[in-house]
């Protein structure tokens, strides 16, 4: 399965439970506000980035981390600098 920015955060957690630590580190805002159950079920990865205002550089790092740490296949444009 190839991961793209349109992939729902919830589906990522559901299909790859080992991604939870990485998700929590990047989307800490949702956990601090205790809205992760609602927000991360509805938002795509890109949508969650937009809500928290994550820089493009950090977004690329997120996808690199997914690829490196979990071995997930990532859409090529998301990894390019």
PDB file of N, CA and C in Angstrom:
ATOM      1  N   UNK A   1       0.841  -1.176   0.000  1.00  0.00           N
ATOM      2  CA  UNK A   1       0.000   0.000   0.000  1.00  0.00           C
ATOM      3  C   UNK A   1       0.887   1.240   0.000  1.00  0.00           C
ATOM      4  N   UNK A   2       0.521   2.186  -0.818  1.00  0.00           N
ATOM      5  CA  UNK A   2       1.280   3.432  -0.904  1.00  0.00           C
ATOM      6  C   UNK A   2       0.579   4.509  -0.077  1.00  0.00           C
ATOM      7  N   UNK A   3       1.340   5.189   0.752  1.00  0.00           N
ATOM      8  CA  UNK A   3       0.816   6.253   1.602  1.00  0.00           C
ATOM      9  C   UNK A   3       0.930   7.578   0.857  1.00  0.00           C
ATOM     10  N   UNK A   4      -0.159   8.350   0.892  1.00  0.00           N
ATOM     11  CA  UNK A   4      -0.153   9.687   0.285  1.00  0.00           C
ATOM     12  C   UNK A   4      -0.650  10.681   1.324  1.00  0.00           C
ATOM     13  N   UNK A   5      -0.586  11.961   0.993  1.00  0.00           N
ATOM     14  CA  UNK A   5      -1.035  13.003   1.906  1.00  0.00           C
ATOM     15  C   UNK A   5      -2.539  12.938   2.142  1.00  0.00           C
ATOM     16  N   UNK A   6      -3.277  12.273   1.240  1.00  0.00           N
ATOM     17  CA  UNK A   6      -4.726  12.156   1.371  1.00  0.00           C
ATOM     18  C   UNK A   6      -5.158  10.996   2.271  1.00  0.00           C
ATOM     19  N   UNK A   7      -4.206  10.196   2.703  1.00  0.00           N
ATOM     20  CA  UNK A   7      -4.482   9.053   3.571  1.00  0.00           C
ATOM     21  C   UNK A   7      -4.970   9.572   4.920  1.00  0.00           C
ATOM     22  N   UNK A   8      -6.035   9.010   5.448  1.00  0.00           N
ATOM     23  CA  UNK A   8      -6.558   9.429   6.753  1.00  0.00           C
ATOM     24  C   UNK A   8      -5.594   9.007   7.862  1.00  0.00           C
ATOM     25  N   UNK A   9      -5.376   9.896   8.805  1.00  0.00           N
ATOM     26  CA  UNK A   9      -4.481   9.606   9.922  1.00  0.00           C
ATOM     27  C   UNK A   9      -4.988   8.374  10.680  1.00  0.00           C
ATOM     28  N   UNK A  10      -6.288   8.296  10.881  1.00  0.00           N
ATOM     29  CA  UNK A  10      -6.882   7.162  11.590  1.00  0.00           C
ATOM     30  C   UNK A  10      -6.570   5.841  10.883  1.00  0.00           C
ATOM     31  N   UNK A  11      -6.665   5.838   9.558  1.00  0.00           N
ATOM     32  CA  UNK A  11      -6.383   4.612   8.817  1.00  0.00           C
ATOM     33  C   UNK A  11      -4.916   4.219   8.933  1.00  0.00           C
ATOM     34  N   UNK A  12      -4.053   5.215   8.989  1.00  0.00           N
ATOM     35  CA  UNK A  12      -2.632   4.932   9.182  1.00  0.00           C
ATOM     36  C   UNK A  12      -2.418   4.240  10.528  1.00  0.00           C
ATOM     37  N   UNK A  13      -3.044   4.769  11.565  1.00  0.00           N
ATOM     38  CA  UNK A  13      -2.935   4.177  12.897  1.00  0.00           C
ATOM     39  C   UNK A  13      -3.564   2.782  12.941  1.00  0.00           C
ATOM     40  N   UNK A  14      -4.670   2.629  12.264  1.00  0.00           N
ATOM     41  CA  UNK A  14      -5.381   1.356  12.261  1.00  0.00           C
ATOM     42  C   UNK A  14      -4.595   0.266  11.521  1.00  0.00           C
ATOM     43  N   UNK A  15      -4.063   0.620  10.368  1.00  0.00           N
ATOM     44  CA  UNK A  15      -3.354  -0.363   9.554  1.00  0.00           C
ATOM     45  C   UNK A  15      -1.909  -0.575  10.003  1.00  0.00           C
ATOM     46  N   UNK A  16      -1.319   0.447  10.616  1.00  0.00           N
ATOM     47  CA  UNK A  16       0.077   0.376  11.059  1.00  0.00           C
ATOM     48  C   UNK A  16       0.155   0.880  12.500  1.00  0.00           C
ATOM     49  N   UNK A  17      -0.274   0.067  13.467  1.00  0.00           N
ATOM     50  CA  UNK A  17      -0.264   0.514  14.869  1.00  0.00           C
ATOM     51  C   UNK A  17       1.119   0.947  15.352  1.00  0.00           C
ATOM     52  N   UNK A  18       2.150   0.426  14.716  1.00  0.00           N
ATOM     53  CA  UNK A  18       3.509   0.810  15.101  1.00  0.00           C
ATOM     54  C   UNK A  18       3.822   2.261  14.735  1.00  0.00           C
ATOM     55  N   UNK A  19       2.923   2.923  14.004  1.00  0.00           N
ATOM     56  CA  UNK A  19       3.124   4.329  13.643  1.00  0.00           C
ATOM     57  C   UNK A  19       2.661   5.275  14.747  1.00  0.00           C
ATOM     58  N   UNK A  20       2.050   4.750  15.792  1.00  0.00           N
ATOM     59  CA  UNK A  20       1.450   5.595  16.825  1.00  0.00           C
ATOM     60  C   UNK A  20       2.434   6.573  17.458  1.00  0.00           C
ATOM     61  N   UNK A  21       3.615   6.127  17.804  1.00  0.00           N
ATOM     62  CA  UNK A  21       4.607   7.018  18.428  1.00  0.00           C
ATOM     63  C   UNK A  21       4.956   8.177  17.498  1.00  0.00           C
ATOM     64  N   UNK A  22       5.149   7.875  16.237  1.00  0.00           N
ATOM     65  CA  UNK A  22       5.469   8.900  15.242  1.00  0.00           C
ATOM     66  C   UNK A  22       4.301   9.865  15.068  1.00  0.00           C
ATOM     67  N   UNK A  23       3.093   9.330  14.990  1.00  0.00           N
ATOM     68  CA  UNK A  23       1.883  10.159  14.845  1.00  0.00           C
ATOM     69  C   UNK A  23       1.762  11.091  16.040  1.00  0.00           C
ATOM     70  N   UNK A  24       1.942  10.559  17.231  1.00  0.00           N
ATOM     71  CA  UNK A  24       1.829  11.377  18.443  1.00  0.00           C
ATOM     72  C   UNK A  24       2.863  12.489  18.473  1.00  0.00           C
ATOM     73  N   UNK A  25       4.055  12.221  17.981  1.00  0.00           N
ATOM     74  CA  UNK A  25       5.090  13.251  18.027  1.00  0.00           C
ATOM     75  C   UNK A  25       4.803  14.387  17.045  1.00  0.00           C
ATOM     76  N   UNK A  26       4.256  14.078  15.889  1.00  0.00           N
ATOM     77  CA  UNK A  26       3.963  15.118  14.897  1.00  0.00           C
ATOM     78  C   UNK A  26       2.620  15.801  15.137  1.00  0.00           C
ATOM     79  N   UNK A  27       1.656  15.061  15.637  1.00  0.00           N
ATOM     80  CA  UNK A  27       0.311  15.607  15.832  1.00  0.00           C
ATOM     81  C   UNK A  27      -0.018  15.760  17.315  1.00  0.00           C
ATOM     82  N   UNK A  28       0.976  16.174  18.060  1.00  0.00           N
ATOM     83  CA  UNK A  28       0.871  16.344  19.507  1.00  0.00           C
ATOM     84  C   UNK A  28      -0.283  17.268  19.890  1.00  0.00           C
ATOM     85  N   UNK A  29      -0.526  18.293  19.089  1.00  0.00           N
ATOM     86  CA  UNK A  29      -1.596  19.256  19.361  1.00  0.00           C
ATOM     87  C   UNK A  29      -2.929  18.548  19.617  1.00  0.00           C
ATOM     88  N   UNK A  30      -3.273  17.596  18.767  1.00  0.00           N
ATOM     89  CA  UNK A  30      -4.559  16.907  18.882  1.00  0.00           C
ATOM     90  C   UNK A  30      -4.649  16.092  20.177  1.00  0.00           C
ATOM     91  N   UNK A  31      -3.531  15.542  20.598  1.00  0.00           N
ATOM     92  CA  UNK A  31      -3.505  14.757  21.833  1.00  0.00           C
ATOM     93  C   UNK A  31      -3.563  15.668  23.053  1.00  0.00           C
ATOM     94  N   UNK A  32      -2.866  16.804  23.005  1.00  0.00           N
ATOM     95  CA  UNK A  32      -2.895  17.752  24.124  1.00  0.00           C
ATOM     96  C   UNK A  32      -4.299  18.315  24.328  1.00  0.00           C
ATOM     97  N   UNK A  33      -4.989  18.567  23.222  1.00  0.00           N
ATOM     98  CA  UNK A  33      -6.348  19.111  23.288  1.00  0.00           C
ATOM     99  C   UNK A  33      -7.402  18.037  23.504  1.00  0.00           C
ATOM    100  N   UNK A  34      -6.954  16.782  23.537  1.00  0.00           N
ATOM    101  CA  UNK A  34      -7.822  15.620  23.730  1.00  0.00           C
ATOM    102  C   UNK A  34      -8.923  15.532  22.671  1.00  0.00           C
ATOM    103  N   UNK A  35      -8.537  15.829  21.438  1.00  0.00           N
ATOM    104  CA  UNK A  35      -9.483  15.737  20.319  1.00  0.00           C
ATOM    105  C   UNK A  35      -8.989  14.766  19.251  1.00  0.00           C
ATOM    106  N   UNK A  36      -8.005  13.956  19.611  1.00  0.00           N
ATOM    107  CA  UNK A  36      -7.422  13.042  18.628  1.00  0.00           C
ATOM    108  C   UNK A  36      -8.440  12.036  18.099  1.00  0.00           C
ATOM    109  N   UNK A  37      -9.347  11.561  18.968  1.00  0.00           N
ATOM    110  CA  UNK A  37     -10.333  10.579  18.516  1.00  0.00           C
ATOM    111  C   UNK A  37     -11.240  11.144  17.429  1.00  0.00           C
ATOM    112  N   UNK A  38     -11.628  12.377  17.568  1.00  0.00           N
ATOM    113  CA  UNK A  38     -12.518  13.010  16.589  1.00  0.00           C
ATOM    114  C   UNK A  38     -11.721  13.509  15.388  1.00  0.00           C
ATOM    115  N   UNK A  39     -10.710  14.312  15.649  1.00  0.00           N
ATOM    116  CA  UNK A  39      -9.980  14.982  14.565  1.00  0.00           C
ATOM    117  C   UNK A  39      -9.214  14.007  13.680  1.00  0.00           C
ATOM    118  N   UNK A  40      -8.495  13.084  14.280  1.00  0.00           N
ATOM    119  CA  UNK A  40      -7.645  12.213  13.474  1.00  0.00           C
ATOM    120  C   UNK A  40      -8.445  11.143  12.732  1.00  0.00           C
ATOM    121  N   UNK A  41      -9.682  10.914  13.121  1.00  0.00           N
ATOM    122  CA  UNK A  41     -10.542  10.005  12.361  1.00  0.00           C
ATOM    123  C   UNK A  41     -11.040  10.674  11.087  1.00  0.00           C
ATOM    124  N   UNK A  42     -11.183  11.975  11.132  1.00  0.00           N
ATOM    125  CA  UNK A  42     -11.773  12.698  10.001  1.00  0.00           C
ATOM    126  C   UNK A  42     -10.753  13.335   9.084  1.00  0.00           C
ATOM    127  N   UNK A  43      -9.595  13.651   9.611  1.00  0.00           N
ATOM    128  CA  UNK A  43      -8.609  14.402   8.828  1.00  0.00           C
ATOM    129  C   UNK A  43      -7.648  13.492   8.071  1.00  0.00           C
ATOM    130  N   UNK A  44      -7.317  13.940   6.874  1.00  0.00           N
ATOM    131  CA  UNK A  44      -6.231  13.301   6.142  1.00  0.00           C
ATOM    132  C   UNK A  44      -4.932  13.775   6.773  1.00  0.00           C
ATOM    133  N   UNK A  45      -3.843  13.157   6.381  1.00  0.00           N
ATOM    134  CA  UNK A  45      -2.539  13.599   6.888  1.00  0.00           C
ATOM    135  C   UNK A  45      -2.336  15.070   6.524  1.00  0.00           C
ATOM    136  N   UNK A  46      -2.638  15.437   5.265  1.00  0.00           N
ATOM    137  CA  UNK A  46      -2.474  16.825   4.828  1.00  0.00           C
ATOM    138  C   UNK A  46      -3.405  17.752   5.591  1.00  0.00           C
ATOM    139  N   UNK A  47      -4.638  17.310   5.826  1.00  0.00           N
ATOM    140  CA  UNK A  47      -5.581  18.125   6.588  1.00  0.00           C
ATOM    141  C   UNK A  47      -5.089  18.387   7.998  1.00  0.00           C
ATOM    142  N   UNK A  48      -4.523  17.372   8.634  1.00  0.00           N
ATOM    143  CA  UNK A  48      -3.984  17.536   9.986  1.00  0.00           C
ATOM    144  C   UNK A  48      -2.793  18.497   9.969  1.00  0.00           C
ATOM    145  N   UNK A  49      -1.945  18.386   8.935  1.00  0.00           N
ATOM    146  CA  UNK A  49      -0.829  19.330   8.801  1.00  0.00           C
ATOM    147  C   UNK A  49      -1.349  20.759   8.683  1.00  0.00           C
ATOM    148  N   UNK A  50      -2.402  20.940   7.898  1.00  0.00           N
ATOM    149  CA  UNK A  50      -2.966  22.272   7.696  1.00  0.00           C
ATOM    150  C   UNK A  50      -3.514  22.855   8.990  1.00  0.00           C
ATOM    151  N   UNK A  51      -4.185  22.030   9.787  1.00  0.00           N
ATOM    152  CA  UNK A  51      -4.755  22.497  11.050  1.00  0.00           C
ATOM    153  C   UNK A  51      -3.660  22.987  11.985  1.00  0.00           C
ATOM    154  N   UNK A  52      -2.563  22.259  12.066  1.00  0.00           N
ATOM    155  CA  UNK A  52      -1.506  22.650  13.010  1.00  0.00           C
ATOM    156  C   UNK A  52      -0.468  23.577  12.383  1.00  0.00           C
ATOM    157  N   UNK A  53      -0.585  23.837  11.084  1.00  0.00           N
ATOM    158  CA  UNK A  53       0.338  24.767  10.428  1.00  0.00           C
ATOM    159  C   UNK A  53       1.761  24.252  10.334  1.00  0.00           C
ATOM    160  N   UNK A  54       1.923  22.959  10.088  1.00  0.00           N
ATOM    161  CA  UNK A  54       3.253  22.359  10.005  1.00  0.00           C
ATOM    162  C   UNK A  54       3.957  22.803   8.724  1.00  0.00           C
ATOM    163  N   UNK A  55       5.189  23.201   8.840  1.00  0.00           N
ATOM    164  CA  UNK A  55       5.957  23.676   7.685  1.00  0.00           C
ATOM    165  C   UNK A  55       6.135  22.558   6.659  1.00  0.00           C
ATOM    166  N   UNK A  56       6.348  22.954   5.426  1.00  0.00           N
ATOM    167  CA  UNK A  56       6.543  21.974   4.355  1.00  0.00           C
ATOM    168  C   UNK A  56       7.753  21.094   4.627  1.00  0.00           C
ATOM    169  N   UNK A  57       8.795  21.687   5.186  1.00  0.00           N
ATOM    170  CA  UNK A  57      10.006  20.928   5.522  1.00  0.00           C
ATOM    171  C   UNK A  57       9.702  19.832   6.545  1.00  0.00           C
ATOM    172  N   UNK A  58       8.924  20.162   7.564  1.00  0.00           N
ATOM    173  CA  UNK A  58       8.577  19.173   8.591  1.00  0.00           C
ATOM    174  C   UNK A  58       7.603  18.136   8.048  1.00  0.00           C
ATOM    175  N   UNK A  59       6.756  18.539   7.110  1.00  0.00           N
ATOM    176  CA  UNK A  59       5.857  17.582   6.474  1.00  0.00           C
ATOM    177  C   UNK A  59       6.665  16.534   5.716  1.00  0.00           C
ATOM    178  N   UNK A  60       7.656  16.983   4.965  1.00  0.00           N
ATOM    179  CA  UNK A  60       8.516  16.055   4.226  1.00  0.00           C
ATOM    180  C   UNK A  60       9.255  15.128   5.189  1.00  0.00           C
ATOM    181  N   UNK A  61       9.683  15.683   6.327  1.00  0.00           N
ATOM    182  CA  UNK A  61      10.380  14.871   7.323  1.00  0.00           C
ATOM    183  C   UNK A  61       9.454  13.796   7.891  1.00  0.00           C
ATOM    184  N   UNK A  62       8.189  14.132   8.090  1.00  0.00           N
ATOM    185  CA  UNK A  62       7.208  13.152   8.568  1.00  0.00           C
ATOM    186  C   UNK A  62       7.144  11.960   7.620  1.00  0.00           C
ATOM    187  N   UNK A  63       7.027  12.238   6.323  1.00  0.00           N
ATOM    188  CA  UNK A  63       6.937  11.151   5.349  1.00  0.00           C
ATOM    189  C   UNK A  63       8.246  10.367   5.256  1.00  0.00           C
ATOM    190  N   UNK A  64       9.368  11.046   5.398  1.00  0.00           N
ATOM    191  CA  UNK A  64      10.653  10.342   5.424  1.00  0.00           C
ATOM    192  C   UNK A  64      10.735   9.428   6.639  1.00  0.00           C
ATOM    193  N   UNK A  65      10.266   9.917   7.784  1.00  0.00           N
ATOM    194  CA  UNK A  65      10.271   9.106   9.001  1.00  0.00           C
ATOM    195  C   UNK A  65       9.377   7.881   8.845  1.00  0.00           C
ATOM    196  N   UNK A  66       8.206   8.068   8.241  1.00  0.00           N
ATOM    197  CA  UNK A  66       7.324   6.921   7.985  1.00  0.00           C
ATOM    198  C   UNK A  66       8.040   5.888   7.123  1.00  0.00           C
ATOM    199  N   UNK A  67       8.693   6.377   6.102  1.00  0.00           N
ATOM    200  CA  UNK A  67       9.396   5.484   5.189  1.00  0.00           C
ATOM    201  C   UNK A  67      10.560   4.785   5.892  1.00  0.00           C
ATOM    202  N   UNK A  68      11.384   5.554   6.575  1.00  0.00           N
ATOM    203  CA  UNK A  68      12.593   5.007   7.209  1.00  0.00           C
ATOM    204  C   UNK A  68      12.289   4.103   8.401  1.00  0.00           C
ATOM    205  N   UNK A  69      11.414   4.551   9.274  1.00  0.00           N
ATOM    206  CA  UNK A  69      11.164   3.810  10.511  1.00  0.00           C
ATOM    207  C   UNK A  69      10.212   2.637  10.334  1.00  0.00           C
ATOM    208  N   UNK A  70       9.261   2.777   9.406  1.00  0.00           N
ATOM    209  CA  UNK A  70       8.244   1.751   9.271  1.00  0.00           C
ATOM    210  C   UNK A  70       8.315   0.999   7.954  1.00  0.00           C
ATOM    211  N   UNK A  71       9.163   1.473   7.057  1.00  0.00           N
ATOM    212  CA  UNK A  71       9.300   0.807   5.773  1.00  0.00           C
ATOM    213  C   UNK A  71       8.093   0.956   4.869  1.00  0.00           C
ATOM    214  N   UNK A  72       7.289   1.985   5.093  1.00  0.00           N
ATOM    215  CA  UNK A  72       6.092   2.188   4.283  1.00  0.00           C
ATOM    216  C   UNK A  72       6.436   2.825   2.949  1.00  0.00           C
ATOM    217  N   UNK A  73       5.706   2.434   1.936  1.00  0.00           N
ATOM    218  CA  UNK A  73       5.897   3.009   0.616  1.00  0.00           C
ATOM    219  C   UNK A  73       5.184   4.367   0.576  1.00  0.00           C
ATOM    220  N   UNK A  74       5.927   5.384   0.219  1.00  0.00           N
ATOM    221  CA  UNK A  74       5.420   6.757   0.227  1.00  0.00           C
ATOM    222  C   UNK A  74       5.397   7.282  -1.211  1.00  0.00           C
ATOM    223  N   UNK A  75       4.362   8.037  -1.539  1.00  0.00           N
ATOM    224  CA  UNK A  75       4.298   8.675  -2.855  1.00  0.00           C
ATOM    225  C   UNK A  75       5.557   9.501  -3.064  1.00  0.00           C
ATOM    226  N   UNK A  76       6.226   9.309  -4.175  1.00  0.00           N
ATOM    227  CA  UNK A  76       7.525   9.918  -4.431  1.00  0.00           C
ATOM    228  C   UNK A  76       7.568  11.451  -4.241  1.00  0.00           C
ATOM    229  N   UNK A  77       6.574  12.216  -4.737  1.00  0.00           N
ATOM    230  CA  UNK A  77       6.653  13.680  -4.562  1.00  0.00           C
ATOM    231  C   UNK A  77       6.718  14.123  -3.115  1.00  0.00           C
ATOM    232  N   UNK A  78       6.208  13.310  -2.192  1.00  0.00           N
ATOM    233  CA  UNK A  78       6.224  13.679  -0.772  1.00  0.00           C
ATOM    234  C   UNK A  78       7.604  13.551  -0.159  1.00  0.00           C
ATOM    235  N   UNK A  79       8.490  12.810  -0.809  1.00  0.00           N
ATOM    236  CA  UNK A  79       9.837  12.611  -0.276  1.00  0.00           C
ATOM    237  C   UNK A  79      10.869  13.524  -0.927  1.00  0.00           C
ATOM    238  N   UNK A  80      10.503  14.143  -2.043  1.00  0.00           N
ATOM    239  CA  UNK A  80      11.454  14.980  -2.768  1.00  0.00           C
ATOM    240  C   UNK A  80      11.593  16.342  -2.137  1.00  0.00           C
ATOM    241  N   UNK A  81      12.803  16.877  -2.224  1.00  0.00           N
ATOM    242  CA  UNK A  81      13.052  18.214  -1.677  1.00  0.00           C
ATOM    243  C   UNK A  81      13.219  19.216  -2.759  1.00  0.00           C
TER     244      UNK A  81
END
